[in-house]
Protein backbone atom coordinates (compact mmCIF):
# COMPACT_ATOMS: atom_id res chain seq x y z
CA MET A 1 98.59 103.08 89.37
CA ILE A 2 97.24 105.97 91.42
CA TRP A 3 97.11 109.11 89.32
CA PRO A 4 96.74 112.42 91.22
CA ASP A 5 95.92 114.39 88.07
CA ASN A 6 96.97 117.91 88.97
CA GLY A 7 94.46 120.14 87.25
CA GLY A 8 92.46 117.20 85.89
CA TRP A 9 89.13 118.27 87.28
CA PRO A 10 85.92 116.46 86.35
CA THR A 11 83.98 118.00 83.48
CA ASN A 12 81.13 119.14 85.70
CA GLN A 13 83.34 120.50 88.48
CA SER A 14 81.90 123.49 90.30
CA ALA A 15 83.15 126.79 88.90
CA ASN A 16 83.37 128.12 92.47
CA PHE A 17 85.16 125.26 94.21
CA PRO A 18 88.01 125.14 94.65
CA PRO A 19 88.71 128.81 94.12
CA ASP A 20 90.73 129.62 90.98
CA ALA A 21 93.73 130.63 93.13
CA TYR A 22 94.03 127.04 94.42
CA LYS A 23 93.23 125.06 91.26
CA PRO A 24 96.78 125.06 89.85
CA ASP A 25 98.04 123.33 93.02
CA GLN A 26 95.26 120.76 93.29
CA GLY A 27 93.81 118.01 91.18
CA HIS A 28 91.50 115.05 91.02
CA ALA A 29 92.82 111.59 91.94
CA LYS A 30 92.08 108.65 89.64
CA VAL A 31 93.37 105.11 89.26
CA ILE A 32 94.82 103.78 86.00
CA GLY A 33 93.57 100.21 86.23
CA GLY A 34 94.46 98.88 82.80
CA TYR A 35 95.94 99.53 79.39
CA ASP A 36 94.86 98.55 75.89
CA ASP A 37 97.39 98.89 73.08
CA ARG A 38 94.72 97.84 70.55
CA ASP A 39 97.33 95.58 68.81
CA THR A 40 97.92 98.12 66.05
CA GLY A 41 101.64 98.78 66.56
CA VAL A 42 101.12 102.52 67.08
CA THR A 43 100.44 104.41 70.31
CA SER A 44 98.08 107.01 68.85
CA ASP A 45 95.06 104.75 69.45
CA ASP A 46 96.16 103.28 72.80
CA ARG A 47 93.95 103.87 75.80
CA CYS A 48 93.99 103.56 79.58
CA LEU A 49 91.23 102.14 81.76
CA ILE A 50 90.43 104.81 84.34
CA CYS A 51 88.69 104.14 87.64
CA ASP A 52 87.35 107.50 88.71
CA PRO A 53 85.66 108.21 92.06
CA TRP A 54 83.65 111.10 90.64
CA PRO A 55 80.14 109.78 91.36
CA GLU A 56 78.24 111.57 88.63
CA TYR A 57 80.04 109.69 85.85
CA THR A 58 78.12 106.61 86.89
CA ASP A 59 75.07 108.22 88.52
CA MET A 60 74.35 110.69 85.72
CA GLY A 61 75.65 108.53 82.87
CA PHE A 62 78.14 110.87 81.26
CA LEU A 63 81.88 110.66 80.62
CA PRO A 64 84.88 113.00 80.67
CA MET A 65 85.89 114.60 77.38
CA ASN A 66 87.33 112.07 74.86
CA ALA A 67 86.47 109.10 77.11
CA THR A 68 84.54 106.05 75.92
CA ASN A 69 82.54 103.54 77.89
CA GLY A 70 84.54 100.91 79.73
CA PRO A 71 84.18 97.12 79.77
CA GLY A 72 80.54 96.05 79.84
CA ASP A 73 79.49 99.52 78.61
CA THR A 74 80.31 101.11 81.99
CA PHE A 75 80.80 104.77 82.84
CA ASP A 76 83.25 103.86 85.62
CA PRO A 77 85.71 102.54 84.76
CA TYR A 78 85.98 104.22 81.38
CA TRP A 79 88.57 104.22 78.59
CA LEU A 80 90.62 107.38 78.11
CA PRO A 81 93.02 107.88 75.18
CA LEU A 82 96.66 107.58 76.21
CA ASN A 83 97.35 111.10 74.90
CA ASP A 84 94.77 112.47 77.35
CA VAL A 85 96.42 110.72 80.28
CA ASN A 86 99.61 112.69 79.56
CA LEU A 87 102.17 110.62 81.44
CA SER A 88 104.78 113.35 80.88
CA ASP A 89 102.98 116.07 82.87
CA VAL A 90 105.53 117.11 85.51
CA ALA A 91 102.75 118.45 87.75
CA ASP A 92 101.17 114.97 88.01
CA VAL A 93 102.42 112.24 90.29
CA TYR A 94 102.07 108.54 89.48
CA LEU A 95 102.13 106.19 92.44
CA VAL A 96 102.84 102.56 91.67
CA ASP A 97 102.84 99.86 94.33
CA THR A 98 105.91 97.69 93.83
CA PHE A 99 105.86 96.00 97.23
CA LEU A 100 103.92 92.92 96.10
CA ASP A 101 106.21 92.45 93.10
CA VAL A 102 109.22 92.45 95.40
CA VAL A 103 107.69 89.97 97.85
CA ILE A 104 106.42 87.63 95.15
CA GLY A 105 109.66 88.02 93.21
CA GLU A 106 111.71 86.96 96.23
CA PHE A 107 109.89 83.66 96.69
CA PRO A 108 111.37 81.73 93.75
CA THR A 109 114.78 83.42 93.87
CA VAL A 110 115.46 83.53 97.62
CA LEU A 111 112.95 81.60 99.70
CA MET A 112 112.74 78.46 97.54
CA PRO A 113 116.52 77.81 97.64
CA VAL A 114 116.56 78.46 101.41
CA LEU A 115 113.64 76.07 101.95
CA ALA A 116 115.31 73.44 99.76
CA LEU A 117 118.54 73.76 101.75
CA VAL A 118 116.67 73.40 105.05
CA VAL A 119 114.88 70.27 103.80
CA LEU A 120 118.19 68.84 102.58
CA VAL A 121 119.88 69.44 105.96
CA VAL A 122 116.96 67.82 107.80
CA VAL A 123 117.03 64.74 105.53
CA ILE A 124 120.82 64.34 105.87
CA SER A 125 120.62 64.73 109.66
CA TRP A 126 117.80 62.21 109.88
CA ARG A 127 119.67 59.65 107.76
CA ARG A 128 122.90 60.07 109.75
CA ARG A 129 121.00 59.56 112.94
CA GLU A 130 119.62 56.22 111.65
CA SER A 131 123.07 54.98 110.52
CA PRO A 132 124.99 52.72 113.00
């Protein structure tokens, strides 16, 4: 899920860029690549796996506030508490690619029956042709 986090600037973002007048209308894009519900039955400890293009997280070895190292002790991707992702922020936009789900979903429900019907018609035609 692509997450253009409006106002979610990296922790070491320049104080001068972008200018304060533009910061409310801009943000830092990240990708939510996974989710861990921790199998506890509550959402307060859930976390999201964040892939973040900000190079200094990996190069300098530090993380955003409240983040923890990701799988294999990585700095990118990193785990961020679900509460910090704030899926209800109306200024943020979440882009989810559903195209592959639609294409893959159509195969068993639409294409397989059509292919089966075509094979059946070919077999019937072939058998009729062989009959005297």
